């Protein structure tokens, strides 16, 4: 018997990311754990409306989404603890500006440059729908077929409501292999 928990969002954990956006002539950074895939070329970044960063995303219509690994976690956690309204976070990460004037963290193993194409607003959240312009990855996390190797990248995951970070990295197997094995065993019964 399963216990009914009511209307509980239970799709955690999600990848932990750092959002980068330009605030006039300098970047600001924010930690985000509410992200989603809405197609092969679109993602959604869900941010509470009280965040300082939101106004710059609305102004510039561009942002970066940097995956967090274990090495980057201390700085990432810090930018999630303090508000850019009170603390200048522009010098927390080394970065370059892309040709689209998007700040790209150089120490992140993978960064997506994005253009905001829509904002689905709810009462308390801005849900930025973003088109991926470029994805830049360190060579060590890319395989021989130019595919991202997440077992090597080992992105940190965020779990809510306990505000916990989880470590990834173990490869369990290829997609469809478990279903094929199950099917063979079922048919062999």
Foldseek 3Di string as FASTA:
>chain_A
DDDDPDPDDDPDWAFKKKKWFDDVPFIAIEIARDKADDDPFKIKGKDWPVAPCVVRCVVLQKIKIFFDAPVCVVLRVVSHVDGCVVDPCRPSADFDQDPSRYTDGPPGQKMWIWGFPDWDDDPTITITMTGTDDMDGDPQQADPVRDGNCLRNFTWIADPDVRDIDTDRDDPDDPPPVVVVVVVVVVVD
